[in-house]
Amino acid sequence: MNDMAAPLCIGRRRRRILSFASGAVLIPAGVSACTRAPEPLLAVEGTPTGTVRLLMAPCPNLDVYQVSVFRDEEGGELEMWAATSKLSPGSPGQVELLSAPAGWQIYESTLKDLSRPGKYIADMSGAVEGSSLDGRVTFTAEELQELKSGQVITGIHGGKKVDRDKFMKVDQKRCDS
């Protein structure tokens, strides 16, 4: 009888291990399926005067510490413009690129304009009540020229044209980190 019980015990043990292992895989998969996709926190628009402006999502208690834009060109020299608030609280809401907001300091200025062909990447670093909240948008000079009045480029990976008013609408879920 002991010889017959041994295979049954091994079978039960394997089933327990397999059920535990499959549960360990399924539980995280179920949790990640409920996670919201990140929402865009940064947009870019052209202005009537020909400059380029970054718009930050209107998040209550947003402290923006840095904005930057660089030309994404493989093999070339990095061309970048970046400004910092020196950790001052608050958000400027919008920043004209290549020009520092009041109270901010430019710390990199090798990018002189945004007219050359190719991809540009703009970043924002900040926090809401101590939790990191960053934004990024990718765009080209051609996409900026194609924008209609009242449109902005946004999206986690850029390329999404939306109405400026829609992007600037307060949406607390977008601001939760």
N, C-alpha and C. Protein backbone atom coordinates (compact mmCIF):
# COMPACT_ATOMS: atom_id res chain seq x y z
N MET A 1 0.81 -1.19 0.00
CA MET A 1 0.00 0.00 0.00
C MET A 1 0.86 1.26 0.00
N ASN A 2 1.98 1.21 0.66
CA ASN A 2 2.87 2.35 0.67
C ASN A 2 3.42 2.67 -0.71
N ASP A 3 3.65 1.58 -1.50
CA ASP A 3 4.16 1.82 -2.85
C ASP A 3 3.12 2.55 -3.70
N MET A 4 1.86 2.29 -3.48
CA MET A 4 0.80 2.93 -4.24
C MET A 4 0.55 4.36 -3.74
N ALA A 5 0.75 4.63 -2.47
CA ALA A 5 0.49 5.95 -1.90
C ALA A 5 1.54 6.95 -2.33
N ALA A 6 2.74 6.51 -2.55
CA ALA A 6 3.82 7.42 -2.92
C ALA A 6 3.52 8.17 -4.22
N PRO A 7 3.09 7.49 -5.30
CA PRO A 7 2.78 8.23 -6.52
C PRO A 7 1.61 9.20 -6.33
N LEU A 8 0.63 8.84 -5.51
CA LEU A 8 -0.49 9.76 -5.28
C LEU A 8 -0.04 11.00 -4.53
N CYS A 9 0.84 10.84 -3.56
CA CYS A 9 1.36 11.98 -2.80
C CYS A 9 2.18 12.89 -3.70
N ILE A 10 2.98 12.29 -4.54
CA ILE A 10 3.78 13.10 -5.47
C ILE A 10 2.86 13.85 -6.41
N GLY A 11 1.82 13.18 -6.87
CA GLY A 11 0.86 13.83 -7.76
C GLY A 11 0.18 15.01 -7.10
N ARG A 12 -0.23 14.83 -5.84
CA ARG A 12 -0.86 15.93 -5.10
C ARG A 12 0.11 17.08 -4.91
N ARG A 13 1.33 16.75 -4.59
CA ARG A 13 2.34 17.79 -4.36
C ARG A 13 2.57 18.58 -5.64
N ARG A 14 2.70 17.89 -6.76
CA ARG A 14 2.89 18.58 -8.04
C ARG A 14 1.70 19.47 -8.36
N ARG A 15 0.49 18.98 -8.09
CA ARG A 15 -0.70 19.79 -8.36
C ARG A 15 -0.70 21.05 -7.50
N ARG A 16 -0.29 20.91 -6.23
CA ARG A 16 -0.23 22.09 -5.36
C ARG A 16 0.79 23.10 -5.87
N ILE A 17 1.95 22.60 -6.27
CA ILE A 17 2.99 23.50 -6.78
C ILE A 17 2.51 24.17 -8.06
N LEU A 18 1.91 23.40 -8.95
CA LEU A 18 1.42 23.98 -10.20
C LEU A 18 0.31 24.99 -9.96
N SER A 19 -0.61 24.69 -9.04
CA SER A 19 -1.69 25.64 -8.79
C SER A 19 -1.15 26.92 -8.14
N PHE A 20 -0.16 26.80 -7.25
CA PHE A 20 0.46 27.97 -6.66
C PHE A 20 1.17 28.79 -7.73
N ALA A 21 1.95 28.11 -8.58
CA ALA A 21 2.71 28.80 -9.63
C ALA A 21 1.78 29.51 -10.61
N SER A 22 0.69 28.85 -11.00
CA SER A 22 -0.23 29.49 -11.94
C SER A 22 -0.93 30.67 -11.27
N GLY A 23 -1.25 30.57 -10.01
CA GLY A 23 -1.85 31.69 -9.28
C GLY A 23 -0.89 32.85 -9.17
N ALA A 24 0.38 32.56 -8.96
CA ALA A 24 1.38 33.62 -8.85
C ALA A 24 1.53 34.37 -10.17
N VAL A 25 1.30 33.69 -11.27
CA VAL A 25 1.38 34.34 -12.58
C VAL A 25 0.09 35.10 -12.88
N LEU A 26 -1.06 34.52 -12.56
CA LEU A 26 -2.34 35.12 -12.91
C LEU A 26 -2.68 36.34 -12.06
N ILE A 27 -2.31 36.34 -10.81
CA ILE A 27 -2.65 37.46 -9.94
C ILE A 27 -2.01 38.75 -10.42
N PRO A 28 -0.68 38.81 -10.68
CA PRO A 28 -0.13 40.07 -11.20
C PRO A 28 -0.71 40.45 -12.55
N ALA A 29 -1.01 39.48 -13.41
CA ALA A 29 -1.59 39.78 -14.71
C ALA A 29 -2.95 40.44 -14.52
N GLY A 30 -3.74 39.94 -13.58
CA GLY A 30 -5.05 40.53 -13.31
C GLY A 30 -4.93 41.93 -12.76
N VAL A 31 -3.95 42.17 -11.91
CA VAL A 31 -3.74 43.49 -11.33
C VAL A 31 -3.32 44.47 -12.40
N SER A 32 -2.38 44.06 -13.27
CA SER A 32 -1.90 44.99 -14.29
C SER A 32 -2.97 45.29 -15.32
N ALA A 33 -3.93 44.42 -15.52
CA ALA A 33 -5.00 44.67 -16.48
C ALA A 33 -5.89 45.81 -16.00
N CYS A 34 -5.89 46.10 -14.71
CA CYS A 34 -6.72 47.16 -14.17
C CYS A 34 -5.99 48.50 -14.10
N THR A 35 -4.71 48.54 -14.38
CA THR A 35 -3.94 49.76 -14.30
C THR A 35 -4.29 50.68 -15.47
N ARG A 36 -4.57 51.95 -15.15
CA ARG A 36 -4.90 52.92 -16.20
C ARG A 36 -3.68 53.23 -17.04
N ALA A 37 -3.91 53.49 -18.31
CA ALA A 37 -2.83 53.94 -19.18
C ALA A 37 -2.47 55.37 -18.79
N PRO A 38 -1.19 55.73 -18.87
CA PRO A 38 -0.81 57.09 -18.52
C PRO A 38 -1.46 58.11 -19.47
N GLU A 39 -1.78 59.26 -18.93
CA GLU A 39 -2.41 60.31 -19.71
C GLU A 39 -1.38 61.40 -20.02
N PRO A 40 -1.52 62.07 -21.17
CA PRO A 40 -0.55 63.11 -21.52
C PRO A 40 -0.61 64.30 -20.56
N LEU A 41 0.56 64.74 -20.14
CA LEU A 41 0.67 65.87 -19.22
C LEU A 41 1.32 67.08 -19.88
N LEU A 42 1.76 66.92 -21.12
CA LEU A 42 2.47 67.98 -21.82
C LEU A 42 1.97 68.05 -23.25
N ALA A 43 1.84 69.27 -23.76
CA ALA A 43 1.44 69.49 -25.15
C ALA A 43 2.32 70.60 -25.73
N VAL A 44 2.34 70.68 -27.03
CA VAL A 44 3.11 71.72 -27.71
C VAL A 44 2.22 72.38 -28.75
N GLU A 45 2.41 73.70 -28.90
CA GLU A 45 1.63 74.44 -29.89
C GLU A 45 2.49 75.53 -30.51
N GLY A 46 2.13 75.91 -31.71
CA GLY A 46 2.75 77.07 -32.34
C GLY A 46 1.98 78.31 -31.94
N THR A 47 2.65 79.45 -31.92
CA THR A 47 1.98 80.70 -31.56
C THR A 47 1.85 81.58 -32.80
N PRO A 48 0.98 82.57 -32.76
CA PRO A 48 0.83 83.47 -33.92
C PRO A 48 2.12 84.23 -34.26
N THR A 49 3.00 84.39 -33.27
CA THR A 49 4.26 85.10 -33.53
C THR A 49 5.36 84.18 -34.05
N GLY A 50 5.04 82.88 -34.19
CA GLY A 50 6.02 81.94 -34.74
C GLY A 50 6.86 81.21 -33.72
N THR A 51 6.62 81.45 -32.44
CA THR A 51 7.37 80.72 -31.42
C THR A 51 6.65 79.40 -31.12
N VAL A 52 7.28 78.56 -30.32
CA VAL A 52 6.70 77.28 -29.92
C VAL A 52 6.50 77.32 -28.42
N ARG A 53 5.33 76.86 -27.99
CA ARG A 53 4.97 76.93 -26.57
C ARG A 53 4.65 75.54 -26.05
N LEU A 54 5.17 75.22 -24.85
CA LEU A 54 4.80 74.01 -24.13
C LEU A 54 3.66 74.35 -23.18
N LEU A 55 2.68 73.45 -23.12
CA LEU A 55 1.55 73.61 -22.19
C LEU A 55 1.58 72.46 -21.20
N MET A 56 1.50 72.77 -19.93
CA MET A 56 1.42 71.75 -18.89
C MET A 56 -0.04 71.50 -18.54
N ALA A 57 -0.38 70.25 -18.31
CA ALA A 57 -1.75 69.92 -17.90
C ALA A 57 -2.07 70.67 -16.62
N PRO A 58 -3.29 71.19 -16.50
CA PRO A 58 -3.66 71.94 -15.30
C PRO A 58 -3.92 71.00 -14.12
N CYS A 59 -2.86 70.64 -13.43
CA CYS A 59 -2.96 69.76 -12.26
C CYS A 59 -2.85 70.59 -10.99
N PRO A 60 -3.84 70.48 -10.10
CA PRO A 60 -3.73 71.19 -8.82
C PRO A 60 -2.47 70.74 -8.07
N ASN A 61 -1.80 71.67 -7.45
CA ASN A 61 -0.60 71.42 -6.65
C ASN A 61 0.59 70.91 -7.46
N LEU A 62 0.60 71.16 -8.78
CA LEU A 62 1.73 70.74 -9.61
C LEU A 62 2.89 71.71 -9.43
N ASP A 63 4.04 71.16 -9.09
CA ASP A 63 5.28 71.92 -9.01
C ASP A 63 6.16 71.45 -10.16
N VAL A 64 6.44 72.34 -11.12
CA VAL A 64 7.29 72.01 -12.27
C VAL A 64 8.69 72.54 -11.97
N TYR A 65 9.68 71.64 -12.07
CA TYR A 65 11.05 72.00 -11.74
C TYR A 65 11.94 72.18 -12.96
N GLN A 66 11.56 71.56 -14.07
CA GLN A 66 12.43 71.64 -15.24
C GLN A 66 11.61 71.41 -16.51
N VAL A 67 11.96 72.13 -17.56
CA VAL A 67 11.44 71.85 -18.90
C VAL A 67 12.63 71.83 -19.84
N SER A 68 12.52 70.98 -20.87
CA SER A 68 13.61 70.90 -21.83
C SER A 68 13.06 70.44 -23.17
N VAL A 69 13.82 70.70 -24.21
CA VAL A 69 13.52 70.19 -25.54
C VAL A 69 14.86 69.91 -26.22
N PHE A 70 14.92 68.79 -26.93
CA PHE A 70 16.14 68.50 -27.68
C PHE A 70 15.79 67.92 -29.03
N ARG A 71 16.72 68.08 -29.94
CA ARG A 71 16.55 67.55 -31.29
C ARG A 71 17.06 66.12 -31.27
N ASP A 72 16.20 65.20 -31.66
CA ASP A 72 16.52 63.77 -31.63
C ASP A 72 17.11 63.36 -32.98
N GLU A 73 18.41 63.50 -33.08
CA GLU A 73 19.09 63.17 -34.33
C GLU A 73 20.19 62.17 -34.02
N GLU A 74 20.06 60.99 -34.60
CA GLU A 74 21.03 59.94 -34.34
C GLU A 74 22.37 60.30 -34.97
N GLY A 75 23.42 60.14 -34.19
CA GLY A 75 24.76 60.37 -34.69
C GLY A 75 25.21 61.82 -34.69
N GLY A 76 24.28 62.75 -34.50
CA GLY A 76 24.65 64.16 -34.48
C GLY A 76 24.94 64.62 -33.07
N GLU A 77 25.40 65.86 -32.98
CA GLU A 77 25.65 66.46 -31.67
C GLU A 77 24.32 66.78 -31.00
N LEU A 78 24.26 66.61 -29.70
CA LEU A 78 23.05 66.90 -28.96
C LEU A 78 22.79 68.40 -28.97
N GLU A 79 21.62 68.78 -29.48
CA GLU A 79 21.17 70.16 -29.43
C GLU A 79 20.02 70.21 -28.45
N MET A 80 20.17 71.03 -27.41
CA MET A 80 19.18 71.01 -26.33
C MET A 80 18.98 72.40 -25.75
N TRP A 81 17.76 72.65 -25.30
CA TRP A 81 17.44 73.83 -24.53
C TRP A 81 16.75 73.35 -23.26
N ALA A 82 17.19 73.85 -22.12
CA ALA A 82 16.62 73.42 -20.85
C ALA A 82 16.62 74.58 -19.85
N ALA A 83 15.56 74.62 -19.05
CA ALA A 83 15.43 75.64 -18.01
C ALA A 83 14.95 74.99 -16.72
N THR A 84 15.35 75.59 -15.61
CA THR A 84 14.96 75.07 -14.30
C THR A 84 14.37 76.18 -13.44
N SER A 85 13.48 75.77 -12.55
CA SER A 85 12.85 76.72 -11.63
C SER A 85 13.62 76.82 -10.32
N LYS A 86 14.73 76.08 -10.22
CA LYS A 86 15.51 76.01 -8.98
C LYS A 86 14.64 75.52 -7.82
N LEU A 87 13.77 74.56 -8.11
CA LEU A 87 12.88 73.92 -7.13
C LEU A 87 11.87 74.86 -6.49
N SER A 88 11.54 75.95 -7.19
CA SER A 88 10.48 76.84 -6.70
C SER A 88 9.14 76.16 -6.89
N PRO A 89 8.24 76.29 -5.94
CA PRO A 89 6.94 75.64 -6.09
C PRO A 89 6.08 76.31 -7.16
N GLY A 90 5.14 75.54 -7.71
CA GLY A 90 4.20 76.07 -8.68
C GLY A 90 4.53 75.64 -10.10
N SER A 91 3.61 75.95 -10.98
CA SER A 91 3.76 75.62 -12.39
C SER A 91 3.54 76.87 -13.21
N PRO A 92 4.39 77.10 -14.21
CA PRO A 92 4.14 78.26 -15.05
C PRO A 92 2.93 78.05 -15.97
N GLY A 93 2.46 76.81 -16.11
CA GLY A 93 1.31 76.52 -16.96
C GLY A 93 1.68 76.42 -18.42
N GLN A 94 2.53 77.34 -18.87
CA GLN A 94 3.02 77.31 -20.24
C GLN A 94 4.40 77.95 -20.29
N VAL A 95 5.19 77.48 -21.24
CA VAL A 95 6.55 77.99 -21.40
C VAL A 95 6.82 78.19 -22.88
N GLU A 96 7.22 79.40 -23.25
CA GLU A 96 7.67 79.64 -24.63
C GLU A 96 9.07 79.05 -24.72
N LEU A 97 9.23 78.09 -25.63
CA LEU A 97 10.53 77.44 -25.74
C LEU A 97 11.59 78.43 -26.19
N LEU A 98 12.79 78.21 -25.70
CA LEU A 98 13.97 79.04 -25.95
C LEU A 98 13.90 80.37 -25.22
N SER A 99 12.98 80.51 -24.27
CA SER A 99 12.85 81.70 -23.45
C SER A 99 12.43 81.27 -22.04
N ALA A 100 13.20 81.64 -21.03
CA ALA A 100 12.91 81.19 -19.66
C ALA A 100 11.73 81.95 -19.06
N PRO A 101 10.84 81.24 -18.37
CA PRO A 101 9.77 81.92 -17.63
C PRO A 101 10.37 82.80 -16.53
N ALA A 102 9.62 83.77 -16.07
CA ALA A 102 10.09 84.65 -14.99
C ALA A 102 10.49 83.82 -13.79
N GLY A 103 11.68 84.09 -13.25
CA GLY A 103 12.18 83.39 -12.08
C GLY A 103 12.89 82.08 -12.40
N TRP A 104 12.95 81.69 -13.65
CA TRP A 104 13.62 80.46 -14.06
C TRP A 104 14.99 80.79 -14.65
N GLN A 105 15.83 79.77 -14.73
CA GLN A 105 17.18 79.96 -15.26
C GLN A 105 17.43 78.93 -16.37
N ILE A 106 17.96 79.40 -17.50
CA ILE A 106 18.33 78.51 -18.60
C ILE A 106 19.69 77.91 -18.26
N TYR A 107 19.81 76.59 -18.34
CA TYR A 107 21.09 75.96 -18.05
C TYR A 107 21.67 75.20 -19.24
N GLU A 108 20.95 75.14 -20.33
CA GLU A 108 21.47 74.53 -21.56
C GLU A 108 20.82 75.24 -22.73
N SER A 109 21.63 75.68 -23.69
CA SER A 109 21.02 76.41 -24.81
C SER A 109 21.76 76.17 -26.13
N THR A 110 22.08 74.92 -26.42
CA THR A 110 22.72 74.61 -27.69
C THR A 110 21.71 74.49 -28.83
N LEU A 111 20.42 74.35 -28.50
CA LEU A 111 19.36 74.34 -29.51
C LEU A 111 18.93 75.78 -29.74
N LYS A 112 19.10 76.26 -30.96
CA LYS A 112 18.83 77.67 -31.25
C LYS A 112 17.46 77.93 -31.86
N ASP A 113 16.89 76.93 -32.56
CA ASP A 113 15.55 77.07 -33.11
C ASP A 113 14.94 75.70 -33.34
N LEU A 114 13.69 75.68 -33.73
CA LEU A 114 12.97 74.42 -33.93
C LEU A 114 12.49 74.29 -35.37
N SER A 115 13.27 74.81 -36.30
CA SER A 115 12.84 74.82 -37.69
C SER A 115 13.43 73.69 -38.53
N ARG A 116 14.48 73.05 -38.06
CA ARG A 116 15.12 72.00 -38.86
C ARG A 116 14.26 70.75 -38.90
N PRO A 117 14.34 70.01 -40.01
CA PRO A 117 13.59 68.75 -40.10
C PRO A 117 14.06 67.76 -39.04
N GLY A 118 13.19 66.84 -38.69
CA GLY A 118 13.54 65.83 -37.70
C GLY A 118 12.63 65.91 -36.50
N LYS A 119 12.90 65.02 -35.57
CA LYS A 119 12.06 64.88 -34.38
C LYS A 119 12.64 65.68 -33.21
N TYR A 120 11.74 66.32 -32.47
CA TYR A 120 12.09 67.03 -31.25
C TYR A 120 11.35 66.36 -30.10
N ILE A 121 11.98 66.33 -28.95
CA ILE A 121 11.36 65.75 -27.76
C ILE A 121 11.39 66.80 -26.65
N ALA A 122 10.21 67.10 -26.11
CA ALA A 122 10.08 68.04 -25.01
C ALA A 122 9.73 67.27 -23.74
N ASP A 123 10.35 67.65 -22.64
CA ASP A 123 10.13 66.98 -21.35
C ASP A 123 9.79 68.01 -20.28
N MET A 124 9.04 67.55 -19.30
CA MET A 124 8.72 68.34 -18.11
C MET A 124 8.96 67.44 -16.90
N SER A 125 9.64 67.95 -15.90
CA SER A 125 9.83 67.21 -14.65
C SER A 125 9.18 68.00 -13.53
N GLY A 126 8.38 67.31 -12.73
CA GLY A 126 7.71 67.99 -11.64
C GLY A 126 7.20 67.00 -10.61
N ALA A 127 6.32 67.49 -9.75
CA ALA A 127 5.75 66.66 -8.70
C ALA A 127 4.41 67.24 -8.27
N VAL A 128 3.55 66.34 -7.78
CA VAL A 128 2.29 66.74 -7.15
C VAL A 128 2.33 66.18 -5.74
N GLU A 129 2.34 67.09 -4.77
CA GLU A 129 2.39 66.72 -3.36
C GLU A 129 3.48 65.71 -3.07
N GLY A 130 4.66 65.94 -3.63
CA GLY A 130 5.82 65.10 -3.37
C GLY A 130 5.96 63.87 -4.24
N SER A 131 4.94 63.53 -5.03
CA SER A 131 5.04 62.37 -5.93
C SER A 131 5.44 62.85 -7.32
N SER A 132 6.44 62.22 -7.88
CA SER A 132 6.96 62.59 -9.19
C SER A 132 5.87 62.55 -10.26
N LEU A 133 5.86 63.56 -11.11
CA LEU A 133 4.91 63.63 -12.21
C LEU A 133 5.64 64.26 -13.40
N ASP A 134 5.93 63.47 -14.41
CA ASP A 134 6.70 63.93 -15.55
C ASP A 134 5.87 63.85 -16.82
N GLY A 135 6.21 64.69 -17.78
CA GLY A 135 5.51 64.69 -19.06
C GLY A 135 6.50 64.71 -20.20
N ARG A 136 6.04 64.20 -21.36
CA ARG A 136 6.89 64.17 -22.54
C ARG A 136 6.00 64.25 -23.77
N VAL A 137 6.46 64.95 -24.77
CA VAL A 137 5.77 65.00 -26.06
C VAL A 137 6.82 65.05 -27.16
N THR A 138 6.56 64.30 -28.22
CA THR A 138 7.44 64.25 -29.38
C THR A 138 6.74 64.94 -30.54
N PHE A 139 7.49 65.71 -31.32
CA PHE A 139 6.88 66.44 -32.44
C PHE A 139 7.95 66.76 -33.48
N THR A 140 7.49 67.18 -34.65
CA THR A 140 8.38 67.65 -35.71
C THR A 140 7.99 69.08 -36.08
N ALA A 141 8.87 69.79 -36.75
CA ALA A 141 8.56 71.14 -37.22
C ALA A 141 7.41 71.08 -38.22
N GLU A 142 7.38 70.03 -39.02
CA GLU A 142 6.30 69.87 -40.00
C GLU A 142 4.95 69.71 -39.32
N GLU A 143 4.89 68.92 -38.24
CA GLU A 143 3.63 68.74 -37.51
C GLU A 143 3.15 70.06 -36.91
N LEU A 144 4.09 70.87 -36.41
CA LEU A 144 3.71 72.17 -35.85
C LEU A 144 3.09 73.06 -36.93
N GLN A 145 3.68 73.04 -38.11
CA GLN A 145 3.17 73.88 -39.21
C GLN A 145 1.79 73.41 -39.68
N GLU A 146 1.49 72.12 -39.54
CA GLU A 146 0.21 71.57 -39.98
C GLU A 146 -0.92 71.79 -38.99
N LEU A 147 -0.61 72.25 -37.78
CA LEU A 147 -1.65 72.45 -36.77
C LEU A 147 -2.63 73.53 -37.22
N LYS A 148 -3.91 73.28 -36.97
CA LYS A 148 -4.94 74.28 -37.21
C LYS A 148 -5.02 75.17 -35.98
N SER A 149 -5.61 76.31 -36.12
CA SER A 149 -5.78 77.23 -35.00
C SER A 149 -6.53 76.52 -33.87
N GLY A 150 -6.02 76.62 -32.66
CA GLY A 150 -6.67 76.00 -31.50
C GLY A 150 -6.29 74.55 -31.27
N GLN A 151 -5.36 74.01 -32.08
CA GLN A 151 -4.92 72.62 -31.88
C GLN A 151 -3.55 72.58 -31.22
N VAL A 152 -3.29 71.47 -30.52
CA VAL A 152 -1.98 71.21 -29.92
C VAL A 152 -1.58 69.78 -30.25
N ILE A 153 -0.29 69.50 -30.13
CA ILE A 153 0.22 68.13 -30.28
C ILE A 153 0.47 67.60 -28.88
N THR A 154 -0.04 66.43 -28.61
CA THR A 154 0.14 65.81 -27.31
C THR A 154 0.23 64.31 -27.49
N GLY A 155 0.11 63.58 -26.42
CA GLY A 155 0.19 62.13 -26.48
C GLY A 155 1.46 61.66 -25.83
N ILE A 156 1.41 60.49 -25.25
CA ILE A 156 2.57 59.94 -24.57
C ILE A 156 3.74 59.83 -25.53
N HIS A 157 3.47 59.49 -26.78
CA HIS A 157 4.53 59.38 -27.78
C HIS A 157 4.38 60.44 -28.87
N GLY A 158 3.60 61.49 -28.61
CA GLY A 158 3.41 62.57 -29.56
C GLY A 158 2.51 62.17 -30.71
N GLY A 159 2.40 63.08 -31.65
CA GLY A 159 1.67 62.79 -32.85
C GLY A 159 0.16 62.87 -32.75
N LYS A 160 -0.38 63.13 -31.59
CA LYS A 160 -1.83 63.20 -31.42
C LYS A 160 -2.24 64.68 -31.41
N LYS A 161 -3.08 65.05 -32.35
CA LYS A 161 -3.57 66.44 -32.42
C LYS A 161 -4.93 66.51 -31.73
N VAL A 162 -5.04 67.41 -30.78
CA VAL A 162 -6.31 67.60 -30.06
C VAL A 162 -6.58 69.09 -29.92
N ASP A 163 -7.83 69.43 -29.58
CA ASP A 163 -8.17 70.82 -29.33
C ASP A 163 -7.47 71.29 -28.06
N ARG A 164 -6.95 72.49 -28.12
CA ARG A 164 -6.25 73.07 -26.95
C ARG A 164 -7.17 73.07 -25.73
N ASP A 165 -8.43 73.47 -25.91
CA ASP A 165 -9.37 73.52 -24.78
C ASP A 165 -9.55 72.16 -24.14
N LYS A 166 -9.58 71.11 -24.95
CA LYS A 166 -9.74 69.76 -24.41
C LYS A 166 -8.51 69.38 -23.57
N PHE A 167 -7.31 69.68 -24.07
CA PHE A 167 -6.09 69.36 -23.31
C PHE A 167 -6.04 70.16 -22.01
N MET A 168 -6.45 71.42 -22.04
CA MET A 168 -6.34 72.29 -20.87
C MET A 168 -7.48 72.09 -19.86
N LYS A 169 -8.41 71.18 -20.15
CA LYS A 169 -9.49 70.89 -19.21
C LYS A 169 -8.93 70.17 -17.98
N VAL A 170 -9.34 70.60 -16.80
CA VAL A 170 -8.88 69.98 -15.56
C VAL A 170 -9.44 68.56 -15.49
N ASP A 171 -8.55 67.60 -15.25
CA ASP A 171 -8.93 66.20 -15.12
C ASP A 171 -8.06 65.60 -14.03
N GLN A 172 -8.57 65.51 -12.83
CA GLN A 172 -7.78 65.07 -11.68
C GLN A 172 -7.17 63.69 -11.89
N LYS A 173 -7.87 62.79 -12.58
CA LYS A 173 -7.34 61.44 -12.81
C LYS A 173 -6.03 61.50 -13.58
N ARG A 174 -5.91 62.44 -14.50
CA ARG A 174 -4.68 62.59 -15.29
C ARG A 174 -3.53 63.01 -14.39
N CYS A 175 -3.82 63.71 -13.33
CA CYS A 175 -2.79 64.27 -12.47
C CYS A 175 -2.38 63.33 -11.33
N ASP A 176 -3.14 62.27 -11.10
CA ASP A 176 -2.79 61.32 -10.04
C ASP A 176 -1.59 60.51 -10.47
N SER A 177 -0.63 60.43 -9.60
CA SER A 177 0.58 59.67 -9.96
C SER A 177 0.51 58.25 -9.49
